[in-house]
Amino acid sequence: MSIFGNKSIVVRQVFAEDLDSELLMIKEAILRDLDTNQDRYASDSIKLLKCQGIDFEKNKEKGINSKDFAKKFWDYGLLFNCYGLKSIT
């Protein structure tokens, strides 16, 4: 049995060009802001994410700017209308 029980889990990769049309369905946003050369304090986390298949170069090129994402999140009124929202990290 899955650790998620009977819940279906949907993971969508959403890049900058899809943000407007996909905003309401986002489970995970690919942000471009993480710079693996400057964020050295997170080297263990970066290594783990790379081992899990995260392509930081692609994210940097095609990912969503976190400020743009935050603005859309606010503009669409999602901040106060997401009753199932657990966290934003």
PDB file of N, CA and C in Angstrom:
ATOM      1  N   MET A   1       0.841  -1.185   0.000  1.00  0.00           N
ATOM      2  CA  MET A   1       0.000   0.000   0.000  1.00  0.00           C
ATOM      3  C   MET A   1       0.881   1.242   0.000  1.00  0.00           C
ATOM      4  N   SER A   2       0.452   2.253  -0.682  1.00  0.00           N
ATOM      5  CA  SER A   2       1.174   3.515  -0.778  1.00  0.00           C
ATOM      6  C   SER A   2       1.145   4.246   0.559  1.00  0.00           C
ATOM      7  N   ILE A   3       2.194   5.020   0.834  1.00  0.00           N
ATOM      8  CA  ILE A   3       2.186   5.836   2.046  1.00  0.00           C
ATOM      9  C   ILE A   3       1.119   6.921   1.973  1.00  0.00           C
ATOM     10  N   PHE A   4       0.598   7.161   0.773  1.00  0.00           N
ATOM     11  CA  PHE A   4      -0.433   8.171   0.586  1.00  0.00           C
ATOM     12  C   PHE A   4      -1.835   7.571   0.671  1.00  0.00           C
ATOM     13  N   GLY A   5      -1.937   6.284   0.992  1.00  0.00           N
ATOM     14  CA  GLY A   5      -3.240   5.642   1.082  1.00  0.00           C
ATOM     15  C   GLY A   5      -3.906   5.582  -0.277  1.00  0.00           C
ATOM     16  N   ASN A   6      -5.172   5.920  -0.336  1.00  0.00           N
ATOM     17  CA  ASN A   6      -5.916   5.890  -1.591  1.00  0.00           C
ATOM     18  C   ASN A   6      -5.913   7.222  -2.332  1.00  0.00           C
ATOM     19  N   LYS A   7      -5.200   8.212  -1.811  1.00  0.00           N
ATOM     20  CA  LYS A   7      -5.167   9.521  -2.461  1.00  0.00           C
ATOM     21  C   LYS A   7      -4.338   9.449  -3.731  1.00  0.00           C
ATOM     22  N   SER A   8      -4.828  10.064  -4.789  1.00  0.00           N
ATOM     23  CA  SER A   8      -4.025  10.131  -6.005  1.00  0.00           C
ATOM     24  C   SER A   8      -3.092  11.325  -5.893  1.00  0.00           C
ATOM     25  N   ILE A   9      -1.884  11.137  -6.322  1.00  0.00           N
ATOM     26  CA  ILE A   9      -0.872  12.181  -6.264  1.00  0.00           C
ATOM     27  C   ILE A   9      -0.559  12.604  -7.690  1.00  0.00           C
ATOM     28  N   VAL A  10      -0.675  13.891  -7.959  1.00  0.00           N
ATOM     29  CA  VAL A  10      -0.392  14.419  -9.288  1.00  0.00           C
ATOM     30  C   VAL A  10       0.732  15.432  -9.153  1.00  0.00           C
ATOM     31  N   VAL A  11       1.785  15.208  -9.903  1.00  0.00           N
ATOM     32  CA  VAL A  11       2.894  16.151  -9.923  1.00  0.00           C
ATOM     33  C   VAL A  11       2.957  16.737 -11.317  1.00  0.00           C
ATOM     34  N   ARG A  12       2.921  18.038 -11.401  1.00  0.00           N
ATOM     35  CA  ARG A  12       2.984  18.730 -12.688  1.00  0.00           C
ATOM     36  C   ARG A  12       4.217  19.597 -12.675  1.00  0.00           C
ATOM     37  N   GLN A  13       4.983  19.541 -13.737  1.00  0.00           N
ATOM     38  CA  GLN A  13       6.087  20.472 -13.885  1.00  0.00           C
ATOM     39  C   GLN A  13       5.554  21.665 -14.654  1.00  0.00           C
ATOM     40  N   VAL A  14       5.691  22.834 -14.082  1.00  0.00           N
ATOM     41  CA  VAL A  14       5.170  24.051 -14.693  1.00  0.00           C
ATOM     42  C   VAL A  14       6.324  25.019 -14.888  1.00  0.00           C
ATOM     43  N   PHE A  15       6.544  25.411 -16.117  1.00  0.00           N
ATOM     44  CA  PHE A  15       7.606  26.348 -16.440  1.00  0.00           C
ATOM     45  C   PHE A  15       7.007  27.710 -16.754  1.00  0.00           C
ATOM     46  N   ALA A  16       7.843  28.702 -16.942  1.00  0.00           N
ATOM     47  CA  ALA A  16       7.412  30.092 -17.097  1.00  0.00           C
ATOM     48  C   ALA A  16       6.347  30.277 -18.177  1.00  0.00           C
ATOM     49  N   GLU A  17       6.506  29.627 -19.318  1.00  0.00           N
ATOM     50  CA  GLU A  17       5.559  29.849 -20.414  1.00  0.00           C
ATOM     51  C   GLU A  17       4.175  29.269 -20.131  1.00  0.00           C
ATOM     52  N   ASP A  18       4.051  28.402 -19.134  1.00  0.00           N
ATOM     53  CA  ASP A  18       2.775  27.771 -18.801  1.00  0.00           C
ATOM     54  C   ASP A  18       2.091  28.389 -17.582  1.00  0.00           C
ATOM     55  N   LEU A  19       2.716  29.358 -16.943  1.00  0.00           N
ATOM     56  CA  LEU A  19       2.252  29.796 -15.631  1.00  0.00           C
ATOM     57  C   LEU A  19       0.800  30.262 -15.626  1.00  0.00           C
ATOM     58  N   ASP A  20       0.401  31.111 -16.566  1.00  0.00           N
ATOM     59  CA  ASP A  20      -0.977  31.618 -16.556  1.00  0.00           C
ATOM     60  C   ASP A  20      -2.007  30.506 -16.671  1.00  0.00           C
ATOM     61  N   SER A  21      -1.801  29.580 -17.591  1.00  0.00           N
ATOM     62  CA  SER A  21      -2.799  28.535 -17.823  1.00  0.00           C
ATOM     63  C   SER A  21      -2.772  27.435 -16.769  1.00  0.00           C
ATOM     64  N   GLU A  22      -1.676  27.285 -16.078  1.00  0.00           N
ATOM     65  CA  GLU A  22      -1.531  26.181 -15.140  1.00  0.00           C
ATOM     66  C   GLU A  22      -1.652  26.582 -13.671  1.00  0.00           C
ATOM     67  N   LEU A  23      -1.737  27.867 -13.389  1.00  0.00           N
ATOM     68  CA  LEU A  23      -1.628  28.331 -12.007  1.00  0.00           C
ATOM     69  C   LEU A  23      -2.596  27.643 -11.056  1.00  0.00           C
ATOM     70  N   LEU A  24      -3.802  27.380 -11.494  1.00  0.00           N
ATOM     71  CA  LEU A  24      -4.787  26.782 -10.594  1.00  0.00           C
ATOM     72  C   LEU A  24      -4.546  25.302 -10.322  1.00  0.00           C
ATOM     73  N   MET A  25      -3.677  24.662 -11.091  1.00  0.00           N
ATOM     74  CA  MET A  25      -3.437  23.233 -10.914  1.00  0.00           C
ATOM     75  C   MET A  25      -2.058  22.932 -10.347  1.00  0.00           C
ATOM     76  N   ILE A  26      -1.317  23.941  -9.978  1.00  0.00           N
ATOM     77  CA  ILE A  26       0.074  23.746  -9.554  1.00  0.00           C
ATOM     78  C   ILE A  26       0.156  22.989  -8.235  1.00  0.00           C
ATOM     79  N   LYS A  27       0.934  21.940  -8.223  1.00  0.00           N
ATOM     80  CA  LYS A  27       1.301  21.229  -7.004  1.00  0.00           C
ATOM     81  C   LYS A  27       2.758  21.533  -6.668  1.00  0.00           C
ATOM     82  N   GLU A  28       3.520  21.779  -7.713  1.00  0.00           N
ATOM     83  CA  GLU A  28       4.942  22.053  -7.542  1.00  0.00           C
ATOM     84  C   GLU A  28       5.343  23.022  -8.642  1.00  0.00           C
ATOM     85  N   ALA A  29       5.989  24.093  -8.281  1.00  0.00           N
ATOM     86  CA  ALA A  29       6.447  25.063  -9.277  1.00  0.00           C
ATOM     87  C   ALA A  29       7.961  24.951  -9.418  1.00  0.00           C
ATOM     88  N   ILE A  30       8.425  24.999 -10.634  1.00  0.00           N
ATOM     89  CA  ILE A  30       9.853  24.946 -10.912  1.00  0.00           C
ATOM     90  C   ILE A  30      10.362  26.382 -10.936  1.00  0.00           C
ATOM     91  N   LEU A  31      11.077  26.764  -9.894  1.00  0.00           N
ATOM     92  CA  LEU A  31      11.570  28.131  -9.784  1.00  0.00           C
ATOM     93  C   LEU A  31      13.002  28.218 -10.290  1.00  0.00           C
ATOM     94  N   ARG A  32      13.336  29.354 -10.870  1.00  0.00           N
ATOM     95  CA  ARG A  32      14.661  29.526 -11.468  1.00  0.00           C
ATOM     96  C   ARG A  32      15.661  30.185 -10.539  1.00  0.00           C
ATOM     97  N   ASP A  33      15.250  30.610  -9.379  1.00  0.00           N
ATOM     98  CA  ASP A  33      16.084  31.451  -8.529  1.00  0.00           C
ATOM     99  C   ASP A  33      17.267  30.747  -7.865  1.00  0.00           C
ATOM    100  N   LEU A  34      17.182  29.462  -7.627  1.00  0.00           N
ATOM    101  CA  LEU A  34      18.274  28.774  -6.935  1.00  0.00           C
ATOM    102  C   LEU A  34      19.518  28.751  -7.811  1.00  0.00           C
ATOM    103  N   ASP A  35      20.580  29.320  -7.315  1.00  0.00           N
ATOM    104  CA  ASP A  35      21.859  29.338  -8.023  1.00  0.00           C
ATOM    105  C   ASP A  35      22.791  28.375  -7.303  1.00  0.00           C
ATOM    106  N   THR A  36      23.051  27.244  -7.914  1.00  0.00           N
ATOM    107  CA  THR A  36      23.862  26.211  -7.262  1.00  0.00           C
ATOM    108  C   THR A  36      25.299  26.660  -7.034  1.00  0.00           C
ATOM    109  N   ASN A  37      25.748  27.684  -7.730  1.00  0.00           N
ATOM    110  CA  ASN A  37      27.102  28.199  -7.512  1.00  0.00           C
ATOM    111  C   ASN A  37      27.168  29.147  -6.318  1.00  0.00           C
ATOM    112  N   GLN A  38      26.095  29.864  -6.044  1.00  0.00           N
ATOM    113  CA  GLN A  38      26.094  30.816  -4.929  1.00  0.00           C
ATOM    114  C   GLN A  38      25.490  30.241  -3.662  1.00  0.00           C
ATOM    115  N   ASP A  39      24.578  29.317  -3.774  1.00  0.00           N
ATOM    116  CA  ASP A  39      23.909  28.747  -2.605  1.00  0.00           C
ATOM    117  C   ASP A  39      24.684  27.549  -2.074  1.00  0.00           C
ATOM    118  N   ARG A  40      25.920  27.764  -1.744  1.00  0.00           N
ATOM    119  CA  ARG A  40      26.798  26.674  -1.307  1.00  0.00           C
ATOM    120  C   ARG A  40      26.422  26.124   0.067  1.00  0.00           C
ATOM    121  N   TYR A  41      25.747  26.917   0.877  1.00  0.00           N
ATOM    122  CA  TYR A  41      25.338  26.448   2.198  1.00  0.00           C
ATOM    123  C   TYR A  41      24.380  25.270   2.096  1.00  0.00           C
ATOM    124  N   ALA A  42      23.785  25.088   0.932  1.00  0.00           N
ATOM    125  CA  ALA A  42      22.809  24.014   0.732  1.00  0.00           C
ATOM    126  C   ALA A  42      23.389  22.888  -0.116  1.00  0.00           C
ATOM    127  N   SER A  43      24.697  22.693  -0.077  1.00  0.00           N
ATOM    128  CA  SER A  43      25.337  21.730  -0.982  1.00  0.00           C
ATOM    129  C   SER A  43      24.803  20.303  -0.818  1.00  0.00           C
ATOM    130  N   ASP A  44      24.528  19.876   0.412  1.00  0.00           N
ATOM    131  CA  ASP A  44      23.980  18.525   0.613  1.00  0.00           C
ATOM    132  C   ASP A  44      22.591  18.400  -0.013  1.00  0.00           C
ATOM    133  N   SER A  45      21.778  19.428   0.156  1.00  0.00           N
ATOM    134  CA  SER A  45      20.436  19.416  -0.433  1.00  0.00           C
ATOM    135  C   SER A  45      20.511  19.438  -1.950  1.00  0.00           C
ATOM    136  N   ILE A  46      21.424  20.233  -2.484  1.00  0.00           N
ATOM    137  CA  ILE A  46      21.594  20.318  -3.935  1.00  0.00           C
ATOM    138  C   ILE A  46      22.029  18.973  -4.494  1.00  0.00           C
ATOM    139  N   LYS A  47      22.964  18.318  -3.814  1.00  0.00           N
ATOM    140  CA  LYS A  47      23.417  16.984  -4.243  1.00  0.00           C
ATOM    141  C   LYS A  47      22.253  15.996  -4.261  1.00  0.00           C
ATOM    142  N   LEU A  48      21.460  16.009  -3.203  1.00  0.00           N
ATOM    143  CA  LEU A  48      20.308  15.110  -3.109  1.00  0.00           C
ATOM    144  C   LEU A  48      19.320  15.371  -4.242  1.00  0.00           C
ATOM    145  N   LEU A  49      19.016  16.636  -4.495  1.00  0.00           N
ATOM    146  CA  LEU A  49      18.071  16.981  -5.561  1.00  0.00           C
ATOM    147  C   LEU A  49      18.605  16.578  -6.931  1.00  0.00           C
ATOM    148  N   LYS A  50      19.905  16.750  -7.158  1.00  0.00           N
ATOM    149  CA  LYS A  50      20.504  16.322  -8.430  1.00  0.00           C
ATOM    150  C   LYS A  50      20.390  14.812  -8.591  1.00  0.00           C
ATOM    151  N   CYS A  51      20.622  14.072  -7.506  1.00  0.00           N
ATOM    152  CA  CYS A  51      20.490  12.605  -7.559  1.00  0.00           C
ATOM    153  C   CYS A  51      19.048  12.185  -7.844  1.00  0.00           C
ATOM    154  N   GLN A  52      18.089  13.019  -7.473  1.00  0.00           N
ATOM    155  CA  GLN A  52      16.677  12.729  -7.712  1.00  0.00           C
ATOM    156  C   GLN A  52      16.215  13.180  -9.091  1.00  0.00           C
ATOM    157  N   GLY A  53      17.155  13.735  -9.891  1.00  0.00           N
ATOM    158  CA  GLY A  53      16.823  14.081 -11.264  1.00  0.00           C
ATOM    159  C   GLY A  53      16.503  15.548 -11.517  1.00  0.00           C
ATOM    160  N   ILE A  54      16.680  16.405 -10.525  1.00  0.00           N
ATOM    161  CA  ILE A  54      16.418  17.831 -10.734  1.00  0.00           C
ATOM    162  C   ILE A  54      17.499  18.400 -11.647  1.00  0.00           C
ATOM    163  N   ASP A  55      17.083  19.048 -12.713  1.00  0.00           N
ATOM    164  CA  ASP A  55      18.000  19.641 -13.690  1.00  0.00           C
ATOM    165  C   ASP A  55      18.057  21.150 -13.428  1.00  0.00           C
ATOM    166  N   PHE A  56      19.032  21.575 -12.636  1.00  0.00           N
ATOM    167  CA  PHE A  56      19.118  22.973 -12.231  1.00  0.00           C
ATOM    168  C   PHE A  56      19.382  23.909 -13.404  1.00  0.00           C
ATOM    169  N   GLU A  57      20.115  23.456 -14.396  1.00  0.00           N
ATOM    170  CA  GLU A  57      20.375  24.301 -15.567  1.00  0.00           C
ATOM    171  C   GLU A  57      19.083  24.561 -16.343  1.00  0.00           C
ATOM    172  N   LYS A  58      18.280  23.508 -16.529  1.00  0.00           N
ATOM    173  CA  LYS A  58      16.991  23.672 -17.213  1.00  0.00           C
ATOM    174  C   LYS A  58      16.072  24.582 -16.397  1.00  0.00           C
ATOM    175  N   ASN A  59      16.065  24.390 -15.079  1.00  0.00           N
ATOM    176  CA  ASN A  59      15.234  25.229 -14.218  1.00  0.00           C
ATOM    177  C   ASN A  59      15.647  26.690 -14.316  1.00  0.00           C
ATOM    178  N   LYS A  60      16.962  26.928 -14.366  1.00  0.00           N
ATOM    179  CA  LYS A  60      17.465  28.301 -14.465  1.00  0.00           C
ATOM    180  C   LYS A  60      17.035  28.940 -15.782  1.00  0.00           C
ATOM    181  N   GLU A  61      17.033  28.147 -16.846  1.00  0.00           N
ATOM    182  CA  GLU A  61      16.675  28.643 -18.177  1.00  0.00           C
ATOM    183  C   GLU A  61      15.165  28.799 -18.351  1.00  0.00           C
ATOM    184  N   LYS A  62      14.394  27.780 -17.925  1.00  0.00           N
ATOM    185  CA  LYS A  62      12.965  27.754 -18.230  1.00  0.00           C
ATOM    186  C   LYS A  62      12.056  27.920 -17.015  1.00  0.00           C
ATOM    187  N   GLY A  63      12.644  27.961 -15.833  1.00  0.00           N
ATOM    188  CA  GLY A  63      11.838  28.018 -14.617  1.00  0.00           C
ATOM    189  C   GLY A  63      11.126  29.342 -14.419  1.00  0.00           C
ATOM    190  N   ILE A  64      10.301  29.380 -13.411  1.00  0.00           N
ATOM    191  CA  ILE A  64       9.496  30.546 -13.083  1.00  0.00           C
ATOM    192  C   ILE A  64      10.266  31.415 -12.094  1.00  0.00           C
ATOM    193  N   ASN A  65      10.287  32.711 -12.329  1.00  0.00           N
ATOM    194  CA  ASN A  65      10.885  33.642 -11.386  1.00  0.00           C
ATOM    195  C   ASN A  65       9.996  33.669 -10.147  1.00  0.00           C
ATOM    196  N   SER A  66      10.578  33.526  -8.968  1.00  0.00           N
ATOM    197  CA  SER A  66       9.771  33.431  -7.748  1.00  0.00           C
ATOM    198  C   SER A  66       8.937  34.687  -7.503  1.00  0.00           C
ATOM    199  N   LYS A  67       9.436  35.854  -7.905  1.00  0.00           N
ATOM    200  CA  LYS A  67       8.655  37.089  -7.738  1.00  0.00           C
ATOM    201  C   LYS A  67       7.432  37.083  -8.655  1.00  0.00           C
ATOM    202  N   ASP A  68       7.597  36.583  -9.887  1.00  0.00           N
ATOM    203  CA  ASP A  68       6.459  36.472 -10.808  1.00  0.00           C
ATOM    204  C   ASP A  68       5.422  35.489 -10.267  1.00  0.00           C
ATOM    205  N   PHE A  69       5.912  34.366  -9.736  1.00  0.00           N
ATOM    206  CA  PHE A  69       5.017  33.361  -9.172  1.00  0.00           C
ATOM    207  C   PHE A  69       4.230  33.943  -7.995  1.00  0.00           C
ATOM    208  N   ALA A  70       4.922  34.647  -7.101  1.00  0.00           N
ATOM    209  CA  ALA A  70       4.257  35.236  -5.935  1.00  0.00           C
ATOM    210  C   ALA A  70       3.203  36.257  -6.366  1.00  0.00           C
ATOM    211  N   LYS A  71       3.516  37.058  -7.378  1.00  0.00           N
ATOM    212  CA  LYS A  71       2.563  38.062  -7.865  1.00  0.00           C
ATOM    213  C   LYS A  71       1.318  37.390  -8.439  1.00  0.00           C
ATOM    214  N   LYS A  72       1.516  36.360  -9.259  1.00  0.00           N
ATOM    215  CA  LYS A  72       0.366  35.646  -9.835  1.00  0.00           C
ATOM    216  C   LYS A  72      -0.455  34.993  -8.727  1.00  0.00           C
ATOM    217  N   PHE A  73       0.219  34.391  -7.764  1.00  0.00           N
ATOM    218  CA  PHE A  73      -0.453  33.735  -6.646  1.00  0.00           C
ATOM    219  C   PHE A  73      -1.352  34.739  -5.926  1.00  0.00           C
ATOM    220  N   TRP A  74      -0.839  35.937  -5.717  1.00  0.00           N
ATOM    221  CA  TRP A  74      -1.608  36.998  -5.061  1.00  0.00           C
ATOM    222  C   TRP A  74      -2.723  37.511  -5.972  1.00  0.00           C
ATOM    223  N   ASP A  75      -2.377  37.810  -7.245  1.00  0.00           N
ATOM    224  CA  ASP A  75      -3.346  38.372  -8.194  1.00  0.00           C
ATOM    225  C   ASP A  75      -4.558  37.467  -8.402  1.00  0.00           C
ATOM    226  N   TYR A  76      -4.350  36.162  -8.428  1.00  0.00           N
ATOM    227  CA  TYR A  76      -5.442  35.218  -8.643  1.00  0.00           C
ATOM    228  C   TYR A  76      -6.237  34.959  -7.361  1.00  0.00           C
ATOM    229  N   GLY A  77      -5.815  35.571  -6.263  1.00  0.00           N
ATOM    230  CA  GLY A  77      -6.532  35.414  -5.002  1.00  0.00           C
ATOM    231  C   GLY A  77      -6.349  34.056  -4.362  1.00  0.00           C
ATOM    232  N   LEU A  78      -5.298  33.370  -4.708  1.00  0.00           N
ATOM    233  CA  LEU A  78      -5.106  32.014  -4.198  1.00  0.00           C
ATOM    234  C   LEU A  78      -4.645  31.983  -2.748  1.00  0.00           C
ATOM    235  N   LEU A  79      -4.019  33.030  -2.306  1.00  0.00           N
ATOM    236  CA  LEU A  79      -3.479  33.039  -0.952  1.00  0.00           C
ATOM    237  C   LEU A  79      -4.563  32.826   0.093  1.00  0.00           C
ATOM    238  N   PHE A  80      -5.726  33.422  -0.112  1.00  0.00           N
ATOM    239  CA  PHE A  80      -6.792  33.329   0.880  1.00  0.00           C
ATOM    240  C   PHE A  80      -7.897  32.359   0.487  1.00  0.00           C
ATOM    241  N   ASN A  81      -7.795  31.747  -0.685  1.00  0.00           N
ATOM    242  CA  ASN A  81      -8.833  30.829  -1.150  1.00  0.00           C
ATOM    243  C   ASN A  81      -8.363  29.387  -1.233  1.00  0.00           C
ATOM    244  N   CYS A  82      -7.196  29.095  -0.733  1.00  0.00           N
ATOM    245  CA  CYS A  82      -6.653  27.727  -0.789  1.00  0.00           C
ATOM    246  C   CYS A  82      -6.863  27.056   0.558  1.00  0.00           C
ATOM    247  N   TYR A  83      -8.039  26.513   0.751  1.00  0.00           N
ATOM    248  CA  TYR A  83      -8.347  25.912   2.041  1.00  0.00           C
ATOM    249  C   TYR A  83      -7.532  24.657   2.308  1.00  0.00           C
ATOM    250  N   GLY A  84      -7.096  23.974   1.253  1.00  0.00           N
ATOM    251  CA  GLY A  84      -6.288  22.778   1.428  1.00  0.00           C
ATOM    252  C   GLY A  84      -4.800  23.062   1.435  1.00  0.00           C
ATOM    253  N   LEU A  85      -4.430  24.331   1.317  1.00  0.00           N
ATOM    254  CA  LEU A  85      -3.021  24.707   1.266  1.00  0.00           C
ATOM    255  C   LEU A  85      -2.363  24.422   2.607  1.00  0.00           C
ATOM    256  N   LYS A  86      -1.295  23.662   2.569  1.00  0.00           N
ATOM    257  CA  LYS A  86      -0.578  23.303   3.794  1.00  0.00           C
ATOM    258  C   LYS A  86       0.630  24.198   4.018  1.00  0.00           C
ATOM    259  N   SER A  87       1.370  24.477   2.945  1.00  0.00           N
ATOM    260  CA  SER A  87       2.559  25.313   3.106  1.00  0.00           C
ATOM    261  C   SER A  87       3.024  25.831   1.761  1.00  0.00           C
ATOM    262  N   ILE A  88       3.769  26.900   1.812  1.00  0.00           N
ATOM    263  CA  ILE A  88       4.462  27.431   0.644  1.00  0.00           C
ATOM    264  C   ILE A  88       5.911  27.551   1.056  1.00  0.00           C
ATOM    265  N   THR A  89       6.774  26.864   0.343  1.00  0.00           N
ATOM    266  CA  THR A  89       8.197  26.912   0.700  1.00  0.00           C
ATOM    267  C   THR A  89       9.023  27.278  -0.495  1.00  0.00           C
TER     268      THR A  89
END
